[in-house]
Structures are given as C-alpha cells and as structure tokens.
Amino acid sequence: MRIRRVGRTGIFTAITAACLLSCSAGTDHTSAGAGTRDTSRTVGSAPAPADATVQENTAVDPAPAAAPRPELVRDAFAGLQATLNDTCTPGSGDCAYYLGRVHEELTGLDTAMKADPKGPGHFPEPIAWIADLRTTLNGDTSTQNLETHRTQLISVRGRINTWMQDHPDDYH
C-alpha cells in the first residue's frame, strides 16, 4: 500500500466528501417513511475504491446562484392577514409562536415593500411603522421582548391591514 502525503486542502476535501457520502446514504426517519431509503438525496457517483488516492480539486466553482427574489407585496400581505384572527393569552406559552409569527410576517412585508418595483416610497406609512417597531425592539426578537412590546406589535399589524385595505391597487 502506498502512502501519499496530502495537504490540508486535500484532507478537508476527503473529509467533506466522506461526510457528504454518508449523509446521502442515510435513511428517511420521518413517520411516513421510517426505515426507507431516501433516494432524493443520493449522490450520483459511487464511492472511491479503498486504495484510491485523494487529490485536490483545482476546478473553479461556478458563479453563485442569484439571490432569491423577495416575496410579492400581495403575498406578504396575505401572510400578515392570516394572523388577524389569531391571538394568545398574555403570559402563556402559546404566545411565543403567535408573536414571533406576527413579527416575521411584518418583516417579510417590509422586505417585499422595499423591493417592490413601485419603490419603497409607494408604501411610506407601513414602512415607517415597521421601522418604528424595529427601533423599539432594538434587535431583540425574544418572546419576552415581543411580549413586552405586544401592544405595539399588534397595533402595527392592525394599522398596516387598514392601510393596505384602503390601497388595494398597491398590492394587486
């Protein structure tokens, strides 16, 4: 057996390849397919023979894929509207999901409005209300902080809903 000296990059490549192969040969442990092989993730090439030497990959990686396009304003608004009939009892465990979701929907709507072809100037009030909320939250989106600022969070959702209902041409 020949021993070949391999640089750090070669070792990293070999370890990464081994991990990827072991991950792709795993089983699907979902309740619907427990114990069945998930062939959707199988790598298309066979593992290298045991006596094969590891070589560094000198190929240039392809250009990174384009960033996904932001959600359309109407779709983001529909997500926010889906929270309108939801609520939770303050101080109970059911508020973590609810308040987090309202915050997430507001953030998604803000992103969609800023990326809209009409420009962010087309949605000045909603963007300003969300910016105000963002300032109040100061980057802390923990359940405790969302609970503390629950009234403002829900108020912003309500004001945006009313504003958007009064401007139907802005999101169709």
N, C-alpha and C. Protein backbone atom coordinates (compact mmCIF):
# COMPACT_ATOMS: atom_id res chain seq x y z
N MET A 1 0.85 -1.18 0.00
CA MET A 1 0.00 0.00 0.00
C MET A 1 0.89 1.23 0.00
N ARG A 2 0.62 2.14 -0.91
CA ARG A 2 1.38 3.38 -0.99
C ARG A 2 0.75 4.42 -0.09
N ILE A 3 1.58 5.17 0.60
CA ILE A 3 1.08 6.28 1.41
C ILE A 3 1.47 7.55 0.70
N ARG A 4 0.51 8.40 0.51
CA ARG A 4 0.76 9.64 -0.21
C ARG A 4 0.51 10.80 0.74
N ARG A 5 1.38 11.75 0.72
CA ARG A 5 1.24 12.93 1.57
C ARG A 5 0.22 13.87 0.93
N VAL A 6 -0.75 14.29 1.71
CA VAL A 6 -1.82 15.14 1.20
C VAL A 6 -1.84 16.42 2.02
N GLY A 7 -2.01 17.54 1.37
CA GLY A 7 -2.07 18.84 2.05
C GLY A 7 -3.37 19.01 2.82
N ARG A 8 -3.46 20.10 3.56
CA ARG A 8 -4.66 20.37 4.36
C ARG A 8 -5.92 20.43 3.51
N THR A 9 -5.80 21.05 2.34
CA THR A 9 -6.97 21.16 1.47
C THR A 9 -7.43 19.77 1.03
N GLY A 10 -6.48 18.89 0.74
CA GLY A 10 -6.83 17.53 0.34
C GLY A 10 -7.52 16.77 1.45
N ILE A 11 -7.03 16.94 2.66
CA ILE A 11 -7.65 16.27 3.81
C ILE A 11 -9.06 16.80 4.01
N PHE A 12 -9.21 18.12 3.94
CA PHE A 12 -10.52 18.73 4.10
C PHE A 12 -11.48 18.22 3.03
N THR A 13 -10.99 18.13 1.79
CA THR A 13 -11.81 17.64 0.69
C THR A 13 -12.24 16.20 0.95
N ALA A 14 -11.30 15.37 1.42
CA ALA A 14 -11.62 13.97 1.67
C ALA A 14 -12.64 13.82 2.79
N ILE A 15 -12.48 14.60 3.86
CA ILE A 15 -13.42 14.52 4.98
C ILE A 15 -14.79 15.01 4.54
N THR A 16 -14.82 16.11 3.80
CA THR A 16 -16.09 16.64 3.31
C THR A 16 -16.79 15.63 2.41
N ALA A 17 -16.02 15.00 1.51
CA ALA A 17 -16.60 14.01 0.61
C ALA A 17 -17.16 12.83 1.39
N ALA A 18 -16.42 12.38 2.40
CA ALA A 18 -16.89 11.26 3.21
C ALA A 18 -18.18 11.61 3.94
N CYS A 19 -18.22 12.83 4.48
CA CYS A 19 -19.44 13.27 5.18
C CYS A 19 -20.63 13.34 4.24
N LEU A 20 -20.38 13.88 3.05
CA LEU A 20 -21.47 14.00 2.08
C LEU A 20 -21.97 12.63 1.65
N LEU A 21 -21.05 11.72 1.44
CA LEU A 21 -21.47 10.37 1.04
C LEU A 21 -22.24 9.69 2.15
N SER A 22 -21.80 9.86 3.39
CA SER A 22 -22.51 9.21 4.48
C SER A 22 -23.88 9.83 4.69
N CYS A 23 -23.99 11.15 4.48
CA CYS A 23 -25.29 11.81 4.61
C CYS A 23 -26.23 11.36 3.51
N SER A 24 -25.70 11.19 2.30
CA SER A 24 -26.58 10.84 1.19
C SER A 24 -27.04 9.40 1.24
N ALA A 25 -26.35 8.57 1.99
CA ALA A 25 -26.73 7.17 2.06
C ALA A 25 -27.61 6.89 3.27
N GLY A 26 -28.06 7.93 3.94
CA GLY A 26 -28.87 7.77 5.16
C GLY A 26 -30.27 7.29 4.85
N THR A 27 -31.04 7.17 5.91
CA THR A 27 -32.42 6.74 5.76
C THR A 27 -33.34 7.88 6.10
N ASP A 28 -34.53 7.78 5.61
CA ASP A 28 -35.55 8.77 5.89
C ASP A 28 -36.23 8.36 7.19
N HIS A 29 -36.12 9.19 8.21
CA HIS A 29 -36.67 8.85 9.51
C HIS A 29 -37.97 9.58 9.81
N THR A 30 -38.67 9.99 8.78
CA THR A 30 -39.95 10.62 9.00
C THR A 30 -40.97 9.54 9.33
N SER A 31 -42.05 9.94 9.92
CA SER A 31 -43.05 8.95 10.33
C SER A 31 -43.66 8.25 9.13
N ALA A 32 -43.74 8.95 7.99
CA ALA A 32 -44.36 8.34 6.82
C ALA A 32 -43.44 7.32 6.17
N GLY A 33 -42.12 7.50 6.29
CA GLY A 33 -41.23 6.60 5.58
C GLY A 33 -40.15 6.05 6.48
N ALA A 34 -40.45 5.74 7.69
CA ALA A 34 -39.43 5.27 8.63
C ALA A 34 -38.76 4.02 8.09
N GLY A 35 -37.43 4.09 8.05
CA GLY A 35 -36.65 2.94 7.64
C GLY A 35 -36.48 2.80 6.14
N THR A 36 -37.07 3.66 5.35
CA THR A 36 -36.90 3.56 3.91
C THR A 36 -35.80 4.49 3.48
N ARG A 37 -35.14 4.11 2.43
CA ARG A 37 -34.03 4.90 1.94
C ARG A 37 -34.56 6.10 1.19
N ASP A 38 -33.98 7.26 1.47
CA ASP A 38 -34.37 8.49 0.80
C ASP A 38 -33.47 8.66 -0.41
N THR A 39 -33.92 8.28 -1.59
CA THR A 39 -33.09 8.34 -2.79
C THR A 39 -33.04 9.72 -3.39
N SER A 40 -33.82 10.65 -2.90
CA SER A 40 -33.79 12.01 -3.45
C SER A 40 -32.50 12.72 -3.10
N ARG A 41 -31.78 12.23 -2.08
CA ARG A 41 -30.55 12.89 -1.67
C ARG A 41 -29.31 12.07 -2.02
N THR A 42 -29.43 10.99 -2.74
CA THR A 42 -28.30 10.14 -3.04
C THR A 42 -27.39 10.83 -4.05
N VAL A 43 -26.10 10.81 -3.76
CA VAL A 43 -25.11 11.40 -4.66
C VAL A 43 -25.00 10.52 -5.88
N GLY A 44 -24.84 11.12 -7.05
CA GLY A 44 -24.85 10.40 -8.31
C GLY A 44 -23.59 9.60 -8.59
N SER A 45 -22.53 9.70 -7.82
CA SER A 45 -21.32 8.94 -8.09
C SER A 45 -21.08 7.92 -7.00
N ALA A 46 -20.40 6.84 -7.38
CA ALA A 46 -20.09 5.77 -6.44
C ALA A 46 -18.90 6.19 -5.58
N PRO A 47 -18.77 5.62 -4.37
CA PRO A 47 -17.63 5.95 -3.53
C PRO A 47 -16.34 5.47 -4.18
N ALA A 48 -15.25 6.15 -3.86
CA ALA A 48 -13.95 5.80 -4.42
C ALA A 48 -13.47 4.50 -3.81
N PRO A 49 -12.71 3.70 -4.58
CA PRO A 49 -12.16 2.47 -4.03
C PRO A 49 -11.24 2.77 -2.85
N ALA A 50 -11.06 1.80 -1.97
CA ALA A 50 -10.28 1.99 -0.75
C ALA A 50 -8.84 2.37 -1.03
N ASP A 51 -8.26 1.90 -2.14
CA ASP A 51 -6.85 2.19 -2.42
C ASP A 51 -6.66 3.45 -3.26
N ALA A 52 -7.71 4.18 -3.54
CA ALA A 52 -7.60 5.39 -4.34
C ALA A 52 -6.94 6.50 -3.53
N THR A 53 -6.18 7.34 -4.19
CA THR A 53 -5.53 8.45 -3.51
C THR A 53 -6.41 9.68 -3.62
N VAL A 54 -6.32 10.53 -2.62
CA VAL A 54 -7.11 11.75 -2.59
C VAL A 54 -6.33 12.83 -3.32
N GLN A 55 -6.99 13.51 -4.24
CA GLN A 55 -6.36 14.60 -4.97
C GLN A 55 -7.13 15.87 -4.71
N GLU A 56 -6.40 16.99 -4.75
CA GLU A 56 -7.05 18.27 -4.52
C GLU A 56 -7.89 18.64 -5.72
N ASN A 57 -9.02 19.27 -5.46
CA ASN A 57 -9.90 19.73 -6.51
C ASN A 57 -9.44 21.11 -6.93
N THR A 58 -8.98 21.22 -8.16
CA THR A 58 -8.49 22.51 -8.64
C THR A 58 -9.49 23.20 -9.55
N ALA A 59 -10.64 22.60 -9.75
CA ALA A 59 -11.66 23.21 -10.60
C ALA A 59 -12.21 24.47 -9.93
N VAL A 60 -12.55 25.43 -10.74
CA VAL A 60 -13.12 26.68 -10.24
C VAL A 60 -14.60 26.47 -9.99
N ASP A 61 -15.09 26.90 -8.83
CA ASP A 61 -16.51 26.79 -8.51
C ASP A 61 -17.31 27.66 -9.46
N PRO A 62 -18.51 27.21 -9.84
CA PRO A 62 -19.35 28.03 -10.71
C PRO A 62 -19.80 29.28 -9.96
N ALA A 63 -20.25 30.26 -10.72
CA ALA A 63 -20.73 31.51 -10.12
C ALA A 63 -21.86 31.20 -9.15
N PRO A 64 -21.93 31.94 -8.04
CA PRO A 64 -23.00 31.68 -7.07
C PRO A 64 -24.36 31.94 -7.71
N ALA A 65 -25.33 31.17 -7.25
CA ALA A 65 -26.69 31.33 -7.76
C ALA A 65 -27.22 32.70 -7.38
N ALA A 66 -28.08 33.23 -8.22
CA ALA A 66 -28.69 34.53 -7.94
C ALA A 66 -29.52 34.44 -6.67
N ALA A 67 -29.53 35.52 -5.93
CA ALA A 67 -30.31 35.57 -4.69
C ALA A 67 -31.79 35.42 -5.03
N PRO A 68 -32.54 34.72 -4.18
CA PRO A 68 -33.97 34.57 -4.46
C PRO A 68 -34.67 35.92 -4.45
N ARG A 69 -35.65 36.04 -5.30
CA ARG A 69 -36.38 37.30 -5.35
C ARG A 69 -37.28 37.41 -4.13
N PRO A 70 -37.41 38.64 -3.63
CA PRO A 70 -38.29 38.83 -2.46
C PRO A 70 -39.74 38.49 -2.82
N GLU A 71 -40.48 38.18 -1.81
CA GLU A 71 -41.89 37.88 -1.96
C GLU A 71 -42.62 39.09 -2.51
N LEU A 72 -43.68 38.86 -3.26
CA LEU A 72 -44.52 39.94 -3.75
C LEU A 72 -45.27 40.56 -2.58
N VAL A 73 -45.57 41.84 -2.67
CA VAL A 73 -46.27 42.54 -1.59
C VAL A 73 -47.60 41.87 -1.30
N ARG A 74 -48.33 41.49 -2.34
CA ARG A 74 -49.65 40.87 -2.10
C ARG A 74 -49.52 39.55 -1.35
N ASP A 75 -48.48 38.77 -1.64
CA ASP A 75 -48.28 37.50 -0.94
C ASP A 75 -47.85 37.73 0.50
N ALA A 76 -46.97 38.70 0.71
CA ALA A 76 -46.53 39.02 2.06
C ALA A 76 -47.70 39.57 2.88
N PHE A 77 -48.54 40.39 2.26
CA PHE A 77 -49.70 40.93 2.95
C PHE A 77 -50.69 39.81 3.29
N ALA A 78 -50.84 38.85 2.40
CA ALA A 78 -51.73 37.71 2.68
C ALA A 78 -51.23 36.94 3.90
N GLY A 79 -49.91 36.80 4.03
CA GLY A 79 -49.35 36.13 5.20
C GLY A 79 -49.65 36.89 6.48
N LEU A 80 -49.56 38.22 6.41
CA LEU A 80 -49.88 39.04 7.58
C LEU A 80 -51.36 38.95 7.91
N GLN A 81 -52.20 38.97 6.89
CA GLN A 81 -53.64 38.87 7.12
C GLN A 81 -54.02 37.53 7.75
N ALA A 82 -53.25 36.50 7.47
CA ALA A 82 -53.54 35.18 8.04
C ALA A 82 -53.39 35.17 9.55
N THR A 83 -52.75 36.19 10.10
CA THR A 83 -52.58 36.27 11.56
C THR A 83 -53.68 37.09 12.22
N LEU A 84 -54.55 37.71 11.45
CA LEU A 84 -55.54 38.64 12.02
C LEU A 84 -56.49 38.00 13.02
N ASN A 85 -56.89 36.77 12.79
CA ASN A 85 -57.83 36.12 13.70
C ASN A 85 -57.14 35.31 14.79
N ASP A 86 -55.82 35.31 14.77
CA ASP A 86 -55.06 34.59 15.79
C ASP A 86 -54.83 35.48 17.00
N THR A 87 -54.67 34.87 18.13
CA THR A 87 -54.36 35.60 19.36
C THR A 87 -53.73 34.62 20.34
N CYS A 88 -53.35 35.14 21.47
CA CYS A 88 -52.83 34.28 22.53
C CYS A 88 -53.10 34.95 23.86
N THR A 89 -52.99 34.18 24.91
CA THR A 89 -53.21 34.69 26.25
C THR A 89 -51.88 35.23 26.79
N PRO A 90 -51.82 36.52 27.13
CA PRO A 90 -50.55 37.08 27.64
C PRO A 90 -50.00 36.26 28.80
N GLY A 91 -48.69 36.01 28.73
CA GLY A 91 -48.03 35.27 29.79
C GLY A 91 -48.12 33.77 29.66
N SER A 92 -48.88 33.28 28.68
CA SER A 92 -48.99 31.82 28.49
C SER A 92 -47.96 31.36 27.47
N GLY A 93 -47.76 30.10 27.39
CA GLY A 93 -46.79 29.53 26.47
C GLY A 93 -47.18 29.63 25.01
N ASP A 94 -48.44 29.89 24.71
CA ASP A 94 -48.87 29.92 23.32
C ASP A 94 -48.51 31.22 22.60
N CYS A 95 -47.96 32.19 23.30
CA CYS A 95 -47.64 33.48 22.69
C CYS A 95 -46.32 33.48 21.92
N ALA A 96 -45.42 32.58 22.24
CA ALA A 96 -44.13 32.56 21.57
C ALA A 96 -44.30 32.41 20.06
N TYR A 97 -45.06 31.42 19.64
CA TYR A 97 -45.28 31.21 18.21
C TYR A 97 -46.05 32.37 17.59
N TYR A 98 -47.12 32.75 18.22
CA TYR A 98 -48.00 33.79 17.69
C TYR A 98 -47.27 35.12 17.49
N LEU A 99 -46.63 35.62 18.54
CA LEU A 99 -45.95 36.91 18.43
C LEU A 99 -44.76 36.82 17.47
N GLY A 100 -44.06 35.71 17.49
CA GLY A 100 -42.96 35.51 16.55
C GLY A 100 -43.44 35.52 15.12
N ARG A 101 -44.59 34.89 14.89
CA ARG A 101 -45.13 34.85 13.53
C ARG A 101 -45.57 36.23 13.07
N VAL A 102 -46.25 36.98 13.92
CA VAL A 102 -46.67 38.34 13.54
C VAL A 102 -45.43 39.16 13.20
N HIS A 103 -44.39 39.06 14.02
CA HIS A 103 -43.16 39.80 13.74
C HIS A 103 -42.54 39.37 12.42
N GLU A 104 -42.50 38.07 12.19
CA GLU A 104 -41.93 37.53 10.95
C GLU A 104 -42.71 38.01 9.73
N GLU A 105 -44.03 38.02 9.82
CA GLU A 105 -44.86 38.48 8.70
C GLU A 105 -44.66 39.97 8.44
N LEU A 106 -44.53 40.76 9.50
CA LEU A 106 -44.26 42.19 9.32
C LEU A 106 -42.89 42.41 8.66
N THR A 107 -41.91 41.65 9.08
CA THR A 107 -40.57 41.77 8.49
C THR A 107 -40.60 41.38 7.02
N GLY A 108 -41.31 40.30 6.68
CA GLY A 108 -41.43 39.90 5.28
C GLY A 108 -42.15 40.93 4.44
N LEU A 109 -43.18 41.54 4.99
CA LEU A 109 -43.92 42.58 4.26
C LEU A 109 -43.03 43.79 4.05
N ASP A 110 -42.25 44.16 5.05
CA ASP A 110 -41.32 45.28 4.93
C ASP A 110 -40.33 45.03 3.79
N THR A 111 -39.77 43.83 3.75
CA THR A 111 -38.81 43.47 2.69
C THR A 111 -39.48 43.53 1.33
N ALA A 112 -40.70 42.99 1.23
CA ALA A 112 -41.42 42.98 -0.05
C ALA A 112 -41.74 44.41 -0.51
N MET A 113 -42.15 45.27 0.40
CA MET A 113 -42.47 46.65 0.04
C MET A 113 -41.23 47.39 -0.45
N LYS A 114 -40.11 47.17 0.20
CA LYS A 114 -38.87 47.85 -0.19
C LYS A 114 -38.35 47.34 -1.53
N ALA A 115 -38.68 46.10 -1.89
CA ALA A 115 -38.21 45.52 -3.15
C ALA A 115 -39.23 45.66 -4.28
N ASP A 116 -40.41 46.18 -3.98
CA ASP A 116 -41.47 46.31 -4.99
C ASP A 116 -41.01 47.23 -6.11
N PRO A 117 -41.37 46.90 -7.36
CA PRO A 117 -40.99 47.75 -8.50
C PRO A 117 -41.48 49.20 -8.38
N LYS A 118 -42.55 49.41 -7.62
CA LYS A 118 -43.05 50.78 -7.43
C LYS A 118 -42.14 51.58 -6.51
N GLY A 119 -41.28 50.88 -5.78
CA GLY A 119 -40.33 51.54 -4.88
C GLY A 119 -40.87 51.68 -3.47
N PRO A 120 -39.96 51.80 -2.51
CA PRO A 120 -40.37 51.91 -1.12
C PRO A 120 -41.18 53.17 -0.84
N GLY A 121 -41.02 54.21 -1.65
CA GLY A 121 -41.78 55.44 -1.48
C GLY A 121 -43.26 55.25 -1.74
N HIS A 122 -43.62 54.11 -2.29
CA HIS A 122 -45.02 53.84 -2.58
C HIS A 122 -45.75 53.33 -1.33
N PHE A 123 -44.98 52.93 -0.32
CA PHE A 123 -45.55 52.39 0.92
C PHE A 123 -44.96 53.12 2.14
N PRO A 124 -45.03 54.45 2.15
CA PRO A 124 -44.30 55.18 3.20
C PRO A 124 -44.77 54.91 4.63
N GLU A 125 -46.07 54.90 4.84
CA GLU A 125 -46.56 54.72 6.21
C GLU A 125 -46.25 53.32 6.76
N PRO A 126 -46.60 52.24 6.05
CA PRO A 126 -46.29 50.92 6.60
C PRO A 126 -44.80 50.71 6.87
N ILE A 127 -43.96 51.18 5.96
CA ILE A 127 -42.51 51.03 6.16
C ILE A 127 -42.07 51.81 7.38
N ALA A 128 -42.62 52.99 7.59
CA ALA A 128 -42.27 53.81 8.77
C ALA A 128 -42.74 53.14 10.06
N TRP A 129 -43.93 52.56 10.04
CA TRP A 129 -44.46 51.90 11.25
C TRP A 129 -43.60 50.69 11.62
N ILE A 130 -43.20 49.93 10.60
CA ILE A 130 -42.36 48.76 10.85
C ILE A 130 -40.97 49.20 11.34
N ALA A 131 -40.45 50.29 10.78
CA ALA A 131 -39.15 50.81 11.23
C ALA A 131 -39.22 51.25 12.69
N ASP A 132 -40.32 51.89 13.05
CA ASP A 132 -40.54 52.29 14.45
C ASP A 132 -40.53 51.08 15.37
N LEU A 133 -41.24 50.03 14.96
CA LEU A 133 -41.29 48.80 15.74
C LEU A 133 -39.89 48.19 15.86
N ARG A 134 -39.16 48.18 14.74
CA ARG A 134 -37.80 47.63 14.75
C ARG A 134 -36.92 48.39 15.74
N THR A 135 -37.06 49.71 15.78
CA THR A 135 -36.30 50.54 16.72
C THR A 135 -36.69 50.19 18.16
N THR A 136 -37.97 50.05 18.40
CA THR A 136 -38.45 49.70 19.74
C THR A 136 -37.91 48.35 20.19
N LEU A 137 -37.93 47.36 19.29
CA LEU A 137 -37.45 46.03 19.63
C LEU A 137 -35.93 45.97 19.78
N ASN A 138 -35.25 46.89 19.14
CA ASN A 138 -33.79 47.02 19.26
C ASN A 138 -33.08 45.69 18.97
N GLY A 139 -33.55 44.96 17.97
CA GLY A 139 -32.92 43.72 17.57
C GLY A 139 -33.24 42.51 18.44
N ASP A 140 -33.98 42.71 19.50
CA ASP A 140 -34.33 41.61 20.41
C ASP A 140 -35.70 41.06 20.05
N THR A 141 -35.71 39.92 19.39
CA THR A 141 -36.98 39.31 18.99
C THR A 141 -37.32 38.11 19.88
N SER A 142 -36.78 38.12 21.09
CA SER A 142 -37.11 37.06 22.03
C SER A 142 -38.59 37.15 22.40
N THR A 143 -39.14 36.05 22.83
CA THR A 143 -40.55 36.03 23.22
C THR A 143 -40.81 37.06 24.31
N GLN A 144 -39.91 37.15 25.26
CA GLN A 144 -40.09 38.11 26.37
C GLN A 144 -40.17 39.54 25.84
N ASN A 145 -39.29 39.91 24.89
CA ASN A 145 -39.31 41.27 24.37
C ASN A 145 -40.53 41.51 23.49
N LEU A 146 -40.90 40.51 22.69
CA LEU A 146 -42.11 40.65 21.87
C LEU A 146 -43.34 40.77 22.76
N GLU A 147 -43.34 40.03 23.87
CA GLU A 147 -44.45 40.12 24.83
C GLU A 147 -44.49 41.52 25.46
N THR A 148 -43.33 42.06 25.79
CA THR A 148 -43.25 43.40 26.38
C THR A 148 -43.82 44.45 25.43
N HIS A 149 -43.56 44.27 24.13
CA HIS A 149 -44.00 45.26 23.13
C HIS A 149 -45.16 44.72 22.30
N ARG A 150 -45.90 43.82 22.88
CA ARG A 150 -47.03 43.18 22.23
C ARG A 150 -48.04 44.19 21.68
N THR A 151 -48.39 45.19 22.46
CA THR A 151 -49.39 46.18 22.04
C THR A 151 -48.94 46.89 20.76
N GLN A 152 -47.68 47.30 20.71
CA GLN A 152 -47.18 47.98 19.51
C GLN A 152 -47.13 47.01 18.33
N LEU A 153 -46.69 45.78 18.56
CA LEU A 153 -46.61 44.78 17.50
C LEU A 153 -47.97 44.54 16.86
N ILE A 154 -48.98 44.34 17.70
CA ILE A 154 -50.33 44.08 17.20
C ILE A 154 -50.93 45.35 16.58
N SER A 155 -50.61 46.49 17.15
CA SER A 155 -51.10 47.76 16.61
C SER A 155 -50.54 48.02 15.21
N VAL A 156 -49.27 47.75 15.02
CA VAL A 156 -48.65 47.93 13.69
C VAL A 156 -49.33 47.00 12.69
N ARG A 157 -49.55 45.76 13.09
CA ARG A 157 -50.25 44.82 12.21
C ARG A 157 -51.62 45.36 11.82
N GLY A 158 -52.38 45.87 12.77
CA GLY A 158 -53.71 46.41 12.51
C GLY A 158 -53.69 47.64 11.62
N ARG A 159 -52.76 48.56 11.90
CA ARG A 159 -52.66 49.78 11.07
C ARG A 159 -52.28 49.43 9.64
N ILE A 160 -51.35 48.49 9.48
CA ILE A 160 -50.95 48.10 8.12
C ILE A 160 -52.11 47.43 7.41
N ASN A 161 -52.85 46.58 8.09
CA ASN A 161 -54.01 45.94 7.48
C ASN A 161 -55.00 47.00 6.98
N THR A 162 -55.31 47.97 7.82
CA THR A 162 -56.23 49.03 7.43
C THR A 162 -55.68 49.83 6.25
N TRP A 163 -54.40 50.19 6.31
CA TRP A 163 -53.77 50.97 5.24
C TRP A 163 -53.83 50.21 3.93
N MET A 164 -53.48 48.93 3.97
CA MET A 164 -53.47 48.13 2.74
C MET A 164 -54.89 47.94 2.20
N GLN A 165 -55.88 47.80 3.07
CA GLN A 165 -57.25 47.66 2.62
C GLN A 165 -57.72 48.95 1.92
N ASP A 166 -57.19 50.07 2.36
CA ASP A 166 -57.54 51.36 1.74
C ASP A 166 -56.75 51.63 0.47
N HIS A 167 -55.76 50.81 0.18
CA HIS A 167 -54.91 50.98 -1.01
C HIS A 167 -54.84 49.66 -1.81
N PRO A 168 -55.97 49.12 -2.25
CA PRO A 168 -55.94 47.80 -2.91
C PRO A 168 -55.11 47.77 -4.19
N ASP A 169 -55.01 48.87 -4.88
CA ASP A 169 -54.23 48.89 -6.13
C ASP A 169 -52.73 48.79 -5.86
N ASP A 170 -52.32 49.01 -4.62
CA ASP A 170 -50.91 48.99 -4.29
C ASP A 170 -50.33 47.59 -4.15
N TYR A 171 -51.18 46.60 -4.07
CA TYR A 171 -50.63 45.26 -3.88
C TYR A 171 -51.27 44.20 -4.79
N HIS A 172 -51.96 44.62 -5.81
CA HIS A 172 -52.53 43.63 -6.75
C HIS A 172 -51.73 43.58 -8.01
